[in-house]
Protein backbone atom coordinates (compact mmCIF):
# COMPACT_ATOMS: atom_id res chain seq x y z
CA UNK A 1 -35.40 -13.99 -15.13
CA UNK A 2 -38.09 -15.97 -13.35
CA UNK A 3 -40.81 -13.30 -13.78
CA UNK A 4 -39.87 -12.09 -17.26
CA UNK A 5 -43.34 -12.75 -18.73
CA UNK A 6 -45.36 -11.68 -15.68
CA UNK A 7 -43.19 -9.34 -13.59
CA UNK A 8 -44.15 -8.91 -9.95
CA UNK A 9 -45.69 -5.54 -9.08
CA UNK A 10 -45.62 -5.25 -5.31
CA UNK A 11 -47.59 -2.00 -5.36
CA UNK A 12 -50.72 -3.92 -6.42
CA UNK A 13 -50.64 -6.10 -3.32
CA UNK A 14 -52.88 -4.42 -0.74
CA UNK A 15 -52.26 -6.80 2.16
CA UNK A 16 -49.12 -5.56 3.93
CA UNK A 17 -48.36 -8.95 5.48
CA UNK A 18 -48.69 -10.68 2.11
CA UNK A 19 -46.48 -8.06 0.49
CA UNK A 20 -43.80 -8.51 3.15
CA UNK A 21 -43.98 -12.28 2.78
CA UNK A 22 -43.53 -12.05 -1.00
CA UNK A 23 -40.55 -9.74 -0.54
CA UNK A 24 -38.95 -12.30 1.79
CA UNK A 25 -39.63 -15.13 -0.63
CA UNK A 26 -38.14 -13.17 -3.55
CA UNK A 27 -34.99 -12.45 -1.53
CA UNK A 28 -34.78 -16.12 -0.56
CA UNK A 29 -35.02 -17.13 -4.22
CA UNK A 30 -32.31 -14.59 -5.08
CA UNK A 31 -30.01 -16.05 -2.41
CA UNK A 32 -30.68 -19.63 -3.55
CA UNK A 33 -30.12 -18.65 -7.21
CA UNK A 34 -26.79 -17.02 -6.33
CA UNK A 35 -25.67 -20.07 -4.35
CA UNK A 36 -26.73 -22.32 -7.22
CA UNK A 37 -24.70 -20.35 -9.78
CA UNK A 38 -21.65 -20.43 -7.51
CA UNK A 39 -22.09 -24.17 -6.89
CA UNK A 40 -22.45 -24.92 -10.61
CA UNK A 41 -19.28 -22.97 -11.37
CA UNK A 42 -17.37 -24.76 -8.60
CA UNK A 43 -18.66 -28.18 -9.72
CA UNK A 44 -17.51 -27.51 -13.28
CA UNK A 45 -14.12 -26.33 -12.02
CA UNK A 46 -13.71 -29.52 -9.97
CA UNK A 47 -14.77 -31.65 -12.94
CA UNK A 48 -12.20 -29.94 -15.15
CA UNK A 49 -9.50 -30.43 -12.52
CA UNK A 50 -10.45 -34.09 -12.11
CA UNK A 51 -10.23 -34.61 -15.88
CA UNK A 52 -6.88 -32.86 -15.96
CA UNK A 53 -5.49 -35.15 -13.26
CA UNK A 54 -6.65 -38.13 -15.30
CA UNK A 55 -4.82 -36.80 -18.34
CA UNK A 56 -7.97 -35.60 -20.05
CA UNK A 57 -9.27 -32.13 -20.90
CA UNK A 58 -11.90 -29.99 -19.23
CA UNK A 59 -15.02 -28.49 -20.74
CA UNK A 60 -14.06 -26.55 -23.89
CA UNK A 61 -14.79 -22.83 -23.91
CA UNK A 62 -16.62 -22.61 -27.24
CA UNK A 63 -18.10 -19.23 -28.04
CA UNK A 64 -21.14 -18.70 -30.26
CA UNK A 65 -21.15 -16.88 -33.57
CA UNK A 66 -22.42 -13.75 -31.84
CA UNK A 67 -20.61 -13.73 -28.51
CA UNK A 68 -22.15 -11.81 -25.65
CA UNK A 69 -20.16 -10.10 -22.91
CA UNK A 70 -19.14 -12.74 -20.37
CA UNK A 71 -20.83 -12.54 -16.96
CA UNK A 72 -17.43 -12.05 -15.32
CA UNK A 73 -17.02 -8.67 -17.01
CA UNK A 74 -17.72 -6.38 -14.08
CA UNK A 75 -16.15 -3.24 -15.49
CA UNK A 76 -17.95 -0.02 -14.63
CA UNK A 77 -16.24 2.12 -17.26
CA UNK A 78 -19.40 2.60 -19.32
CA UNK A 79 -21.29 4.03 -16.37
CA UNK A 80 -18.34 6.08 -15.09
CA UNK A 81 -17.27 7.65 -18.35
CA UNK A 82 -19.47 10.19 -20.06
CA UNK A 83 -19.34 10.40 -23.88
CA UNK A 84 -17.29 13.34 -25.08
CA UNK A 85 -17.48 14.94 -28.50
CA UNK A 86 -14.66 13.63 -30.65
CA UNK A 87 -12.34 16.25 -32.01
CA UNK A 88 -9.88 14.98 -34.54
CA UNK A 89 -6.72 17.05 -34.43
CA UNK A 90 -4.00 17.20 -37.01
CA UNK A 91 -0.68 15.75 -35.84
CA UNK A 92 1.35 17.04 -38.78
CA UNK A 93 2.55 20.07 -36.85
CA UNK A 94 4.25 17.83 -34.25
CA UNK A 95 6.04 15.59 -36.77
CA UNK A 96 9.79 16.08 -36.77
CA UNK A 97 11.15 16.47 -40.31
CA UNK A 98 14.45 14.65 -40.86
CA UNK A 99 15.04 15.54 -44.52
CA UNK A 100 13.39 17.46 -47.33
CA UNK A 101 13.31 16.67 -51.02
CA UNK A 102 12.11 18.77 -53.93
CA UNK A 103 10.17 16.94 -56.62
CA UNK A 104 10.05 18.34 -60.14
CA UNK A 105 7.39 18.01 -62.77
CA UNK A 106 8.41 16.44 -66.06
CA UNK A 107 8.76 19.58 -68.16
CA UNK A 108 8.01 17.65 -71.35
CA UNK A 109 4.52 16.90 -70.02
CA UNK A 110 3.67 20.60 -69.41
CA UNK A 111 1.75 22.74 -71.89
CA UNK A 112 3.54 25.82 -73.25
CA UNK A 113 1.49 28.28 -71.12
CA UNK A 114 2.11 26.51 -67.75
CA UNK A 115 3.18 28.91 -64.98
CA UNK A 116 5.15 28.01 -61.82
CA UNK A 117 2.98 28.50 -58.70
CA UNK A 118 5.35 27.42 -55.93
CA UNK A 119 5.35 24.16 -54.00
CA UNK A 120 2.80 21.96 -52.24
CA UNK A 121 4.15 20.32 -49.09
CA UNK A 122 3.35 16.70 -48.36
CA UNK A 123 4.67 15.00 -45.19
CA UNK A 124 5.29 11.24 -45.39
CA UNK A 125 6.41 9.27 -42.35
CA UNK A 126 8.81 6.37 -42.86
CA UNK A 127 11.80 4.79 -41.19
CA UNK A 128 14.93 2.92 -42.20
CA UNK A 129 15.36 -0.43 -40.48
CA UNK A 130 18.46 -2.29 -41.55
CA UNK A 131 21.60 -3.77 -40.09
CA UNK A 132 24.57 -1.48 -39.51
CA UNK A 133 27.39 -3.95 -38.93
CA UNK A 134 30.70 -2.15 -38.49
CA UNK A 135 34.23 -3.52 -38.80
CA UNK A 136 36.46 -1.27 -36.68
CA UNK A 137 40.15 -1.15 -37.56
CA UNK A 138 41.76 -0.16 -34.26
CA UNK A 139 45.25 1.30 -34.48
CA UNK A 140 47.78 -0.70 -32.54
CA UNK A 141 51.16 0.49 -31.26
CA UNK A 142 53.90 -1.10 -29.25
CA UNK A 143 56.50 0.88 -27.30
CA UNK A 144 59.90 -0.70 -26.66
CA UNK A 145 60.59 1.74 -23.79
CA UNK A 146 57.54 0.67 -21.80
CA UNK A 147 57.06 -2.81 -23.12
CA UNK A 148 53.35 -2.11 -23.58
CA UNK A 149 50.87 -2.31 -26.45
CA UNK A 150 48.65 0.72 -27.13
CA UNK A 151 45.28 0.06 -28.83
CA UNK A 152 42.66 2.54 -30.03
CA UNK A 153 39.44 2.59 -28.01
CA UNK A 154 36.02 1.80 -29.43
CA UNK A 155 33.50 4.68 -29.50
CA UNK A 156 31.40 5.19 -26.38
CA UNK A 157 28.60 2.66 -26.10
CA UNK A 158 30.34 0.01 -28.22
CA UNK A 159 31.09 -2.87 -25.92
CA UNK A 160 31.10 -6.52 -26.88
CA UNK A 161 29.60 -7.77 -30.15
CA UNK A 162 26.64 -5.39 -30.36
CA UNK A 163 26.35 -1.64 -30.67
CA UNK A 164 24.20 0.80 -28.65
CA UNK A 165 21.44 0.93 -31.27
CA UNK A 166 20.83 -2.81 -31.16
CA UNK A 167 21.06 -2.93 -27.36
CA UNK A 168 18.60 -0.07 -26.97
CA UNK A 169 16.18 -1.55 -29.51
CA UNK A 170 16.30 -4.96 -27.80
CA UNK A 171 15.33 -3.47 -24.44
CA UNK A 172 12.65 -1.29 -26.04
CA UNK A 173 11.02 -4.11 -28.00
CA UNK A 174 11.01 -6.50 -25.04
CA UNK A 175 9.99 -4.19 -22.20
CA UNK A 176 8.37 -1.30 -24.04
CA UNK A 177 6.81 -3.17 -26.96
CA UNK A 178 5.93 -6.44 -25.25
CA UNK A 179 7.72 -8.71 -27.75
CA UNK A 180 9.15 -12.09 -26.81
CA UNK A 181 12.83 -12.94 -27.03
CA UNK A 182 12.17 -15.40 -29.86
CA UNK A 183 10.37 -12.80 -31.98
CA UNK A 184 13.08 -10.23 -31.39
CA UNK A 185 15.66 -12.73 -32.58
CA UNK A 186 13.55 -13.51 -35.69
CA UNK A 187 13.30 -9.81 -36.47
CA UNK A 188 17.05 -9.29 -36.21
CA UNK A 189 17.86 -12.30 -38.36
CA UNK A 190 15.52 -10.96 -41.05
CA UNK A 191 17.64 -7.83 -41.37
CA UNK A 192 21.00 -9.60 -41.31
CA UNK A 193 22.00 -9.63 -37.64
CA UNK A 194 23.38 -12.93 -36.39
CA UNK A 195 22.46 -13.35 -32.75
CA UNK A 196 21.74 -16.37 -30.55
CA UNK A 197 18.89 -16.80 -28.09
CA UNK A 198 21.36 -16.66 -25.20
CA UNK A 199 22.80 -13.38 -26.47
CA UNK A 200 19.33 -11.83 -26.65
CA UNK A 201 18.70 -12.92 -23.06
CA UNK A 202 22.03 -11.50 -21.91
CA UNK A 203 21.30 -8.15 -23.54
CA UNK A 204 18.09 -7.98 -21.51
CA UNK A 205 19.30 -8.93 -18.04
CA UNK A 206 23.09 -8.81 -17.81
CA UNK A 207 25.20 -5.75 -17.00
CA UNK A 208 22.27 -3.42 -16.26
CA UNK A 209 23.61 -1.90 -13.04
CA UNK A 210 23.23 1.69 -14.24
CA UNK A 211 19.53 1.14 -14.95
CA UNK A 212 18.95 -0.61 -11.62
CA UNK A 213 20.54 2.38 -9.88
CA UNK A 214 18.36 4.84 -11.78
CA UNK A 215 15.26 2.84 -10.94
CA UNK A 216 16.11 3.18 -7.25
CA UNK A 217 16.52 6.93 -7.73
CA UNK A 218 13.13 7.09 -9.46
CA UNK A 219 11.53 5.19 -6.59
CA UNK A 220 12.94 7.55 -3.96
CA UNK A 221 11.97 10.64 -5.95
CA UNK A 222 8.50 9.28 -6.73
CA UNK A 223 7.71 8.41 -3.13
CA UNK A 224 8.77 11.91 -2.10
CA UNK A 225 6.92 13.70 -4.90
CA UNK A 226 3.43 13.40 -3.36
CA UNK A 227 2.03 12.49 0.07
CA UNK A 228 -0.34 10.05 -1.67
CA UNK A 229 0.30 7.05 -3.87
CA UNK A 230 -1.69 4.58 -5.96
CA UNK A 231 -0.97 0.90 -5.32
CA UNK A 232 -2.14 -2.44 -6.64
CA UNK A 233 -0.94 -6.04 -6.94
CA UNK A 234 -1.16 -8.71 -9.63
CA UNK A 235 0.05 -12.29 -9.90
CA UNK A 236 3.25 -13.04 -11.75
CA UNK A 237 5.32 -16.15 -12.41
CA UNK A 238 8.97 -16.62 -11.47
CA UNK A 239 10.64 -19.81 -12.70
CA UNK A 240 7.20 -21.42 -12.89
CA UNK A 241 6.20 -20.44 -9.34
CA UNK A 242 3.50 -17.95 -8.34
CA UNK A 243 4.71 -14.64 -6.97
CA UNK A 244 3.25 -11.14 -6.86
CA UNK A 245 4.01 -7.90 -8.67
CA UNK A 246 3.44 -4.74 -6.62
CA UNK A 247 2.70 -1.47 -8.41
CA UNK A 248 3.18 1.92 -6.75
CA UNK A 249 2.62 5.04 -8.83
CA UNK A 250 1.37 8.59 -9.13
CA UNK A 251 1.10 10.94 -12.15
CA UNK A 252 4.90 11.29 -12.30
CA UNK A 253 6.29 7.77 -12.03
CA UNK A 254 5.57 4.04 -11.76
CA UNK A 255 7.51 1.37 -9.89
CA UNK A 256 7.16 -2.41 -10.30
CA UNK A 257 8.45 -4.70 -7.55
CA UNK A 258 8.15 -8.49 -7.49
CA UNK A 259 7.78 -10.17 -4.09
CA UNK A 260 7.16 -13.81 -3.08
CA UNK A 261 4.13 -12.81 -0.99
CA UNK A 262 1.50 -10.08 -1.10
CA UNK A 263 1.10 -9.52 2.64
CA UNK A 264 1.49 -6.27 4.56
CA UNK A 265 5.21 -6.85 5.16
CA UNK A 266 5.73 -7.16 1.39
CA UNK A 267 3.88 -3.90 0.80
CA UNK A 268 6.14 -2.21 3.33
CA UNK A 269 9.20 -3.67 1.58
CA UNK A 270 8.03 -1.99 -1.63
CA UNK A 271 7.58 1.38 0.12
CA UNK A 272 11.02 1.02 1.77
CA UNK A 273 13.08 0.09 -1.30
CA UNK A 274 16.44 -1.51 -0.60
CA UNK A 275 16.13 -1.31 3.19
CA UNK A 276 16.19 -4.08 5.75
CA UNK A 277 13.00 -4.71 7.67
CA UNK A 278 12.67 -2.91 11.00
CA UNK A 279 10.25 -3.56 13.87
CA UNK A 280 9.11 -1.36 16.77
CA UNK A 281 6.70 -1.99 19.63
CA UNK A 282 4.94 1.15 20.86
CA UNK A 283 1.45 2.40 21.63
CA UNK A 284 0.68 2.64 17.94
CA UNK A 285 1.56 -1.01 17.36
CA UNK A 286 -0.56 -2.08 20.35
CA UNK A 287 -3.47 -0.11 18.93
CA UNK A 288 -3.33 -2.10 15.69
CA UNK A 289 -3.51 -5.33 17.71
CA UNK A 290 -6.65 -4.48 19.67
CA UNK A 291 -8.86 -6.59 17.39
CA UNK A 292 -6.38 -9.49 17.26
CA UNK A 293 -7.24 -12.39 19.61
CA UNK A 294 -4.26 -12.45 21.99
CA UNK A 295 -3.99 -13.73 25.56
CA UNK A 296 -3.72 -11.28 28.44
CA UNK A 297 -0.19 -12.50 29.15
CA UNK A 298 0.86 -11.83 25.56
CA UNK A 299 -0.55 -8.32 25.64
CA UNK A 300 1.22 -7.66 28.95
CA UNK A 301 4.54 -8.79 27.48
CA UNK A 302 4.04 -6.67 24.37
CA UNK A 303 3.24 -3.63 26.51
CA UNK A 304 6.36 -4.22 28.61
CA UNK A 305 8.48 -4.33 25.42
CA UNK A 306 7.24 -0.91 24.23
CA UNK A 307 10.12 1.52 23.75
CA UNK A 308 11.55 3.96 21.23
CA UNK A 309 13.79 1.32 19.70
CA UNK A 310 13.86 -0.56 16.42
CA UNK A 311 14.84 -4.21 16.07
CA UNK A 312 16.12 -5.93 12.97
CA UNK A 313 14.02 -8.82 11.70
CA UNK A 314 16.18 -11.65 13.03
CA UNK A 315 16.36 -10.21 16.55
CA UNK A 316 12.66 -9.39 16.75
CA UNK A 317 11.54 -12.79 15.43
CA UNK A 318 13.88 -14.60 17.85
CA UNK A 319 12.52 -12.62 20.81
CA UNK A 320 8.96 -13.35 19.74
CA UNK A 321 9.53 -17.07 19.16
CA UNK A 322 11.50 -17.47 22.37
CA UNK A 323 8.87 -15.87 24.61
CA UNK A 324 5.73 -16.99 22.77
CA UNK A 325 6.44 -20.09 20.70
CA UNK A 326 2.78 -21.21 20.77
CA UNK A 327 1.37 -18.24 18.87
CA UNK A 328 -0.53 -19.37 15.80
CA UNK A 329 0.40 -18.05 12.36
CA UNK A 330 -2.36 -15.43 12.31
CA UNK A 331 -1.34 -13.97 15.68
CA UNK A 332 2.34 -14.04 14.79
CA UNK A 333 1.80 -12.26 11.47
CA UNK A 334 -0.40 -9.64 13.11
CA UNK A 335 2.31 -8.79 15.67
CA UNK A 336 5.00 -8.66 12.98
CA UNK A 337 2.84 -6.44 10.75
CA UNK A 338 1.89 -4.07 13.57
CA UNK A 339 5.51 -3.68 14.70
CA UNK A 340 6.73 -3.19 11.12
CA UNK A 341 4.12 -0.48 10.42
CA UNK A 342 4.99 1.32 13.67
CA UNK A 343 8.67 1.29 12.71
CA UNK A 344 7.80 2.59 9.22
CA UNK A 345 5.89 5.53 10.66
CA UNK A 346 8.78 6.35 13.00
CA UNK A 347 11.37 6.55 10.21
CA UNK A 348 12.75 9.99 9.46
CA UNK A 349 15.27 9.27 6.69
CA UNK A 350 12.81 8.35 3.92
CA UNK A 351 9.54 9.75 2.60
CA UNK A 352 6.57 7.92 4.11
CA UNK A 353 3.27 7.59 2.29
CA UNK A 354 0.53 9.49 4.11
CA UNK A 355 -2.37 8.27 1.97
CA UNK A 356 -2.76 5.09 -0.08
CA UNK A 357 -5.32 4.98 -2.89
CA UNK A 358 -6.13 1.32 -3.49
CA UNK A 359 -8.78 -1.38 -3.36
CA UNK A 360 -10.09 -2.81 -0.10
CA UNK A 361 -7.53 -5.64 0.21
CA UNK A 362 -6.63 -6.05 3.93
CA UNK A 363 -2.85 -5.89 3.40
CA UNK A 364 -3.14 -2.18 2.58
CA UNK A 365 -4.65 -1.32 5.98
CA UNK A 366 -2.55 0.36 8.71
CA UNK A 367 0.28 1.31 6.36
CA UNK A 368 -0.66 4.95 5.71
CA UNK A 369 -2.28 7.51 7.97
CA UNK A 370 -5.23 7.64 5.59
CA UNK A 371 -6.77 5.21 3.11
CA UNK A 372 -8.77 6.19 0.02
CA UNK A 373 -10.83 3.50 -1.68
CA UNK A 374 -11.49 3.27 -5.41
CA UNK A 375 -15.03 4.16 -6.51
CA UNK A 376 -14.69 2.03 -9.63
CA UNK A 377 -13.96 -1.03 -7.47
CA UNK A 378 -16.97 -0.18 -5.34
CA UNK A 379 -19.14 0.10 -8.44
CA UNK A 380 -18.09 -3.38 -9.58
CA UNK A 381 -19.67 -4.93 -6.49
CA UNK A 382 -23.05 -3.66 -7.66
CA UNK A 383 -22.48 -4.89 -11.19
CA UNK A 384 -21.77 -8.38 -9.87
CA UNK A 385 -25.32 -8.61 -8.53
CA UNK A 386 -27.43 -10.71 -10.93
CA UNK A 387 -31.07 -10.48 -9.85
CA UNK A 388 -33.56 -13.11 -10.99
CA UNK A 389 -36.64 -10.86 -10.81
CA UNK A 390 -37.46 -7.90 -13.06
CA UNK A 391 -38.50 -5.95 -9.97
CA UNK A 392 -35.07 -6.41 -8.39
CA UNK A 393 -33.36 -5.67 -11.70
CA UNK A 394 -35.11 -2.29 -11.89
CA UNK A 395 -34.20 -1.49 -8.29
CA UNK A 396 -30.56 -2.30 -9.01
CA UNK A 397 -30.54 -0.29 -12.24
CA UNK A 398 -32.05 2.76 -10.54
CA UNK A 399 -29.59 2.64 -7.66
CA UNK A 400 -26.58 2.23 -9.92
CA UNK A 401 -27.74 5.32 -11.81
CA UNK A 402 -27.82 7.28 -8.54
CA UNK A 403 -24.43 5.82 -7.59
CA UNK A 404 -22.72 7.22 -10.69
CA UNK A 405 -24.58 10.51 -10.49
CA UNK A 406 -23.11 10.99 -7.02
CA UNK A 407 -19.71 10.05 -8.45
CA UNK A 408 -20.10 12.84 -11.03
CA UNK A 409 -20.85 15.30 -8.23
CA UNK A 410 -17.59 14.31 -6.52
CA UNK A 411 -15.75 14.92 -9.80
CA UNK A 412 -17.24 18.40 -9.97
CA UNK A 413 -16.21 19.06 -6.37
CA UNK A 414 -12.59 18.21 -7.22
CA UNK A 415 -12.50 21.06 -9.72
CA UNK A 416 -13.84 23.71 -7.31
CA UNK A 417 -13.82 22.44 -3.70
CA UNK A 418 -15.71 24.53 -1.15
CA UNK A 419 -16.69 24.02 2.46
CA UNK A 420 -20.39 24.25 1.66
CA UNK A 421 -20.18 21.66 -1.09
CA UNK A 422 -18.12 19.37 1.10
CA UNK A 423 -20.78 19.44 3.82
CA UNK A 424 -23.55 18.89 1.26
CA UNK A 425 -21.84 15.89 -0.34
CA UNK A 426 -21.15 14.39 3.07
CA UNK A 427 -24.85 14.62 3.89
CA UNK A 428 -25.86 13.37 0.45
CA UNK A 429 -23.65 10.29 0.88
CA UNK A 430 -25.42 9.36 4.12
CA UNK A 431 -28.81 9.81 2.46
CA UNK A 432 -27.97 7.80 -0.66
CA UNK A 433 -26.32 4.90 1.14
CA UNK A 434 -29.06 4.64 3.74
CA UNK A 435 -31.47 3.61 1.00
CA UNK A 436 -33.58 0.52 1.71
CA UNK A 437 -34.89 -1.05 -1.50
CA UNK A 438 -36.26 -4.36 -0.23
CA UNK A 439 -33.82 -6.28 -2.46
CA UNK A 440 -31.79 -8.01 0.23
CA UNK A 441 -28.53 -8.47 -1.70
CA UNK A 442 -28.60 -4.84 -2.88
CA UNK A 443 -29.39 -3.47 0.58
CA UNK A 444 -26.54 -5.51 2.05
CA UNK A 445 -24.15 -4.09 -0.55
CA UNK A 446 -25.37 -0.53 0.12
CA UNK A 447 -24.71 -0.97 3.84
CA UNK A 448 -21.15 -2.16 3.12
CA UNK A 449 -20.52 0.91 0.99
CA UNK A 450 -21.76 3.16 3.77
CA UNK A 451 -19.38 1.43 6.21
CA UNK A 452 -16.50 2.59 3.97
CA UNK A 453 -17.63 6.22 4.03
CA UNK A 454 -14.42 7.67 5.43
CA UNK A 455 -12.22 6.07 2.76
CA UNK A 456 -14.64 6.70 -0.13
CA UNK A 457 -15.05 10.39 0.79
CA UNK A 458 -11.34 11.05 1.32
CA UNK A 459 -11.51 13.21 -1.82
CA UNK A 460 -13.52 15.79 0.15
CA UNK A 461 -10.49 16.26 2.39
CA UNK A 462 -7.89 15.94 -0.37
CA UNK A 463 -9.41 17.17 -3.67
CA UNK A 464 -6.21 16.51 -5.61
CA UNK A 465 -6.46 12.72 -5.31
CA UNK A 466 -8.35 10.78 -8.02
CA UNK A 467 -11.60 8.96 -7.27
CA UNK A 468 -10.36 5.69 -8.70
CA UNK A 469 -7.29 3.49 -8.78
CA UNK A 470 -7.21 3.09 -12.56
CA UNK A 471 -3.58 4.31 -12.97
CA UNK A 472 -2.28 1.41 -10.85
CA UNK A 473 -4.67 -1.07 -12.47
CA UNK A 474 -3.57 -0.03 -15.96
CA UNK A 475 0.07 -0.46 -14.98
CA UNK A 476 -0.77 -3.89 -13.54
CA UNK A 477 -2.34 -4.75 -16.88
CA UNK A 478 1.02 -4.09 -18.56
CA UNK A 479 2.61 -6.77 -16.37
CA UNK A 480 -0.25 -9.15 -17.19
CA UNK A 481 0.27 -8.61 -20.92
CA UNK A 482 4.00 -9.10 -20.54
CA UNK A 483 3.33 -12.26 -18.55
CA UNK A 484 1.05 -13.56 -21.32
CA UNK A 485 3.78 -13.04 -23.94
CA UNK A 486 6.91 -14.03 -22.04
CA UNK A 487 5.42 -16.10 -19.19
CA UNK A 488 7.85 -14.83 -16.56
CA UNK A 489 11.51 -14.49 -15.54
CA UNK A 490 13.41 -17.52 -14.28
CA UNK A 491 16.31 -16.01 -12.32
CA UNK A 492 16.96 -13.23 -9.81
CA UNK A 493 18.62 -11.20 -12.55
CA UNK A 494 15.53 -11.71 -14.68
CA UNK A 495 13.19 -10.54 -11.90
CA UNK A 496 15.32 -7.45 -11.36
CA UNK A 497 15.40 -6.66 -15.08
CA UNK A 498 11.63 -7.05 -15.46
CA UNK A 499 10.96 -4.73 -12.52
CA UNK A 500 13.59 -2.17 -13.51
CA UNK A 501 12.83 -1.74 -17.20
CA UNK A 502 9.06 -1.89 -16.85
CA UNK A 503 9.40 0.83 -14.19
CA UNK A 504 11.63 2.99 -16.38
CA UNK A 505 9.41 2.50 -19.45
CA UNK A 506 6.26 3.56 -17.58
CA UNK A 507 8.00 6.49 -15.89
CA UNK A 508 9.54 7.76 -19.13
CA UNK A 509 6.10 7.73 -20.75
CA UNK A 510 4.61 9.78 -17.91
CA UNK A 511 7.46 12.28 -18.21
CA UNK A 512 6.96 12.59 -21.98
CA UNK A 513 10.29 10.96 -22.86
CA UNK A 514 10.81 8.38 -25.61
CA UNK A 515 11.78 5.13 -23.92
CA UNK A 516 13.97 4.14 -26.86
CA UNK A 517 15.76 7.50 -26.86
CA UNK A 518 16.23 7.27 -23.11
CA UNK A 519 17.70 3.75 -23.30
CA UNK A 520 19.91 4.70 -26.26
CA UNK A 521 21.10 7.80 -24.40
CA UNK A 522 22.21 5.72 -21.44
CA UNK A 523 23.66 2.79 -23.42
CA UNK A 524 25.63 5.10 -25.72
CA UNK A 525 26.84 7.01 -22.64
CA UNK A 526 25.72 10.30 -24.17
CA UNK A 527 23.79 11.14 -20.98
CA UNK A 528 22.07 14.10 -22.61
CA UNK A 529 18.66 13.21 -21.13
CA UNK A 530 18.50 14.36 -17.47
CA UNK A 531 18.17 11.84 -14.69
CA UNK A 532 14.54 10.79 -14.41
CA UNK A 533 14.57 11.43 -10.66
CA UNK A 534 15.49 15.08 -11.22
CA UNK A 535 12.65 15.46 -13.73
CA UNK A 536 10.20 13.96 -11.22
CA UNK A 537 11.33 16.38 -8.52
CA UNK A 538 11.02 19.36 -10.89
CA UNK A 539 7.52 18.37 -12.07
CA UNK A 540 6.39 17.70 -8.50
CA UNK A 541 7.28 21.24 -7.43
CA UNK A 542 5.34 22.64 -10.40
CA UNK A 543 2.17 20.53 -10.02
CA UNK A 544 1.79 20.70 -6.22
CA UNK A 545 -0.01 17.37 -6.05
CA UNK A 546 -0.05 17.46 -2.24
CA UNK A 547 -1.45 20.96 -1.74
CA UNK A 548 -4.17 19.93 0.74
CA UNK A 549 -1.54 18.57 3.13
CA UNK A 550 0.22 21.92 3.33
CA UNK A 551 -2.84 24.01 4.25
CA UNK A 552 -5.33 23.85 7.10
CA UNK A 553 -8.25 21.53 6.47
CA UNK A 554 -11.66 23.05 5.83
CA UNK A 555 -13.26 21.04 8.63
CA UNK A 556 -12.09 18.42 11.12
CA UNK A 557 -11.49 14.96 9.68
CA UNK A 558 -14.25 12.38 9.84
């Protein structure tokens, strides 16, 4: 910091004009310092890229012996989470006992007066991991009367060269455990299973129609289980090309869907699984386009096309391109997005999301009736501020403390929501985010938070929704970890398998079901575990996660 040795104390400056001038100069230095840091980072990035193009290497990332947290770590978890007393609980009571064995004392080692006092139980957890290669001798008959051969059938689940246990373990290790195909093959070879790399790949992506069908059922049930949903996106690689993984979830399920783009149409594709795109021009669609720069003639044509009718994508795009071929890409995408959202809201044969809980990415706008923003994301914006003056640092520290104190008050409200508390918190928000500190960057950030009041205070209207989007972010992190280990799928079957099994693994965990046992149940065709969709529907009716939508609101919406 520039004033670390002699920090500026503005309260000691008596001349108001001089004090105001110093405040302006400090804010100017802060702005220049921020621009300088950004420019230095960009220059280094360009240097590294230039070296790479010349076949050289960029600047090495060498850490010191005592590494400090990197400046790009903008997590707000330390401020958000309050320390809780740790209570270590015994897990022995929940351990399933598979066999019992009585151990005897060597009688020769006992003194003559030793008396038997019963048994002392000790639980030891272990597992048996070995190959179980089976040679089946199938009875074979031939009937002269029919001219046919009759052959005994293999047990259920035994198809091809590998049994249900190996198939289930392969899927569990790859999608549930995050192992690579090569490491799975190494593991199997170490216990005596002969399997090629191609066979491992086929076990993961080929012949998985029953799981793809169940994933679709889970998606339908999950979207209908609550009026609100978490959503997030993360980058993923498909055959070496950048694509995007969309995550939609709530406390009962998680769905992963890979799309080439991350625009609003792609988000709608995720919320309308397996359905063709539909487009509708109506008053709602025109309302979304009010801020889009369109000519008067274009708006007149759009208004004339308004009707209670849906078009398929090919027809709608052809009509648009035929009548207005000179629309730029931004205008064209805005019209397509507005018409697609209007059609989505008009659908009656699928559950529509009424509230999205997400970050402030623009592609999530319009889609739901209501939008709730993540407080943790909002807190990161303040953590990204890096003041150069001690005075500004103290102002930032004090405001961040107030920020998370208000967050704690919202958490308390969720437990016992009342009309009085809702009104008080609404007023308190306005007061807190009208603060003027004199630190220009901080005041600008505070004003932006206030502008998002409606979305940040959506919890006052719907107390059952979380204040953050961590569930979706944590699920996105699972895809990132999988991407780091296995890079990415290379075929359409691979994309489908990644999305399906990562969805089923995350959903099974939320429902308290062992992913391995679930996969083994389906592969072996035992089908003793209920359909995941039915479990979601049953839990949804018990938890009532959309209670505020079914009762009258305490006060009119903002």
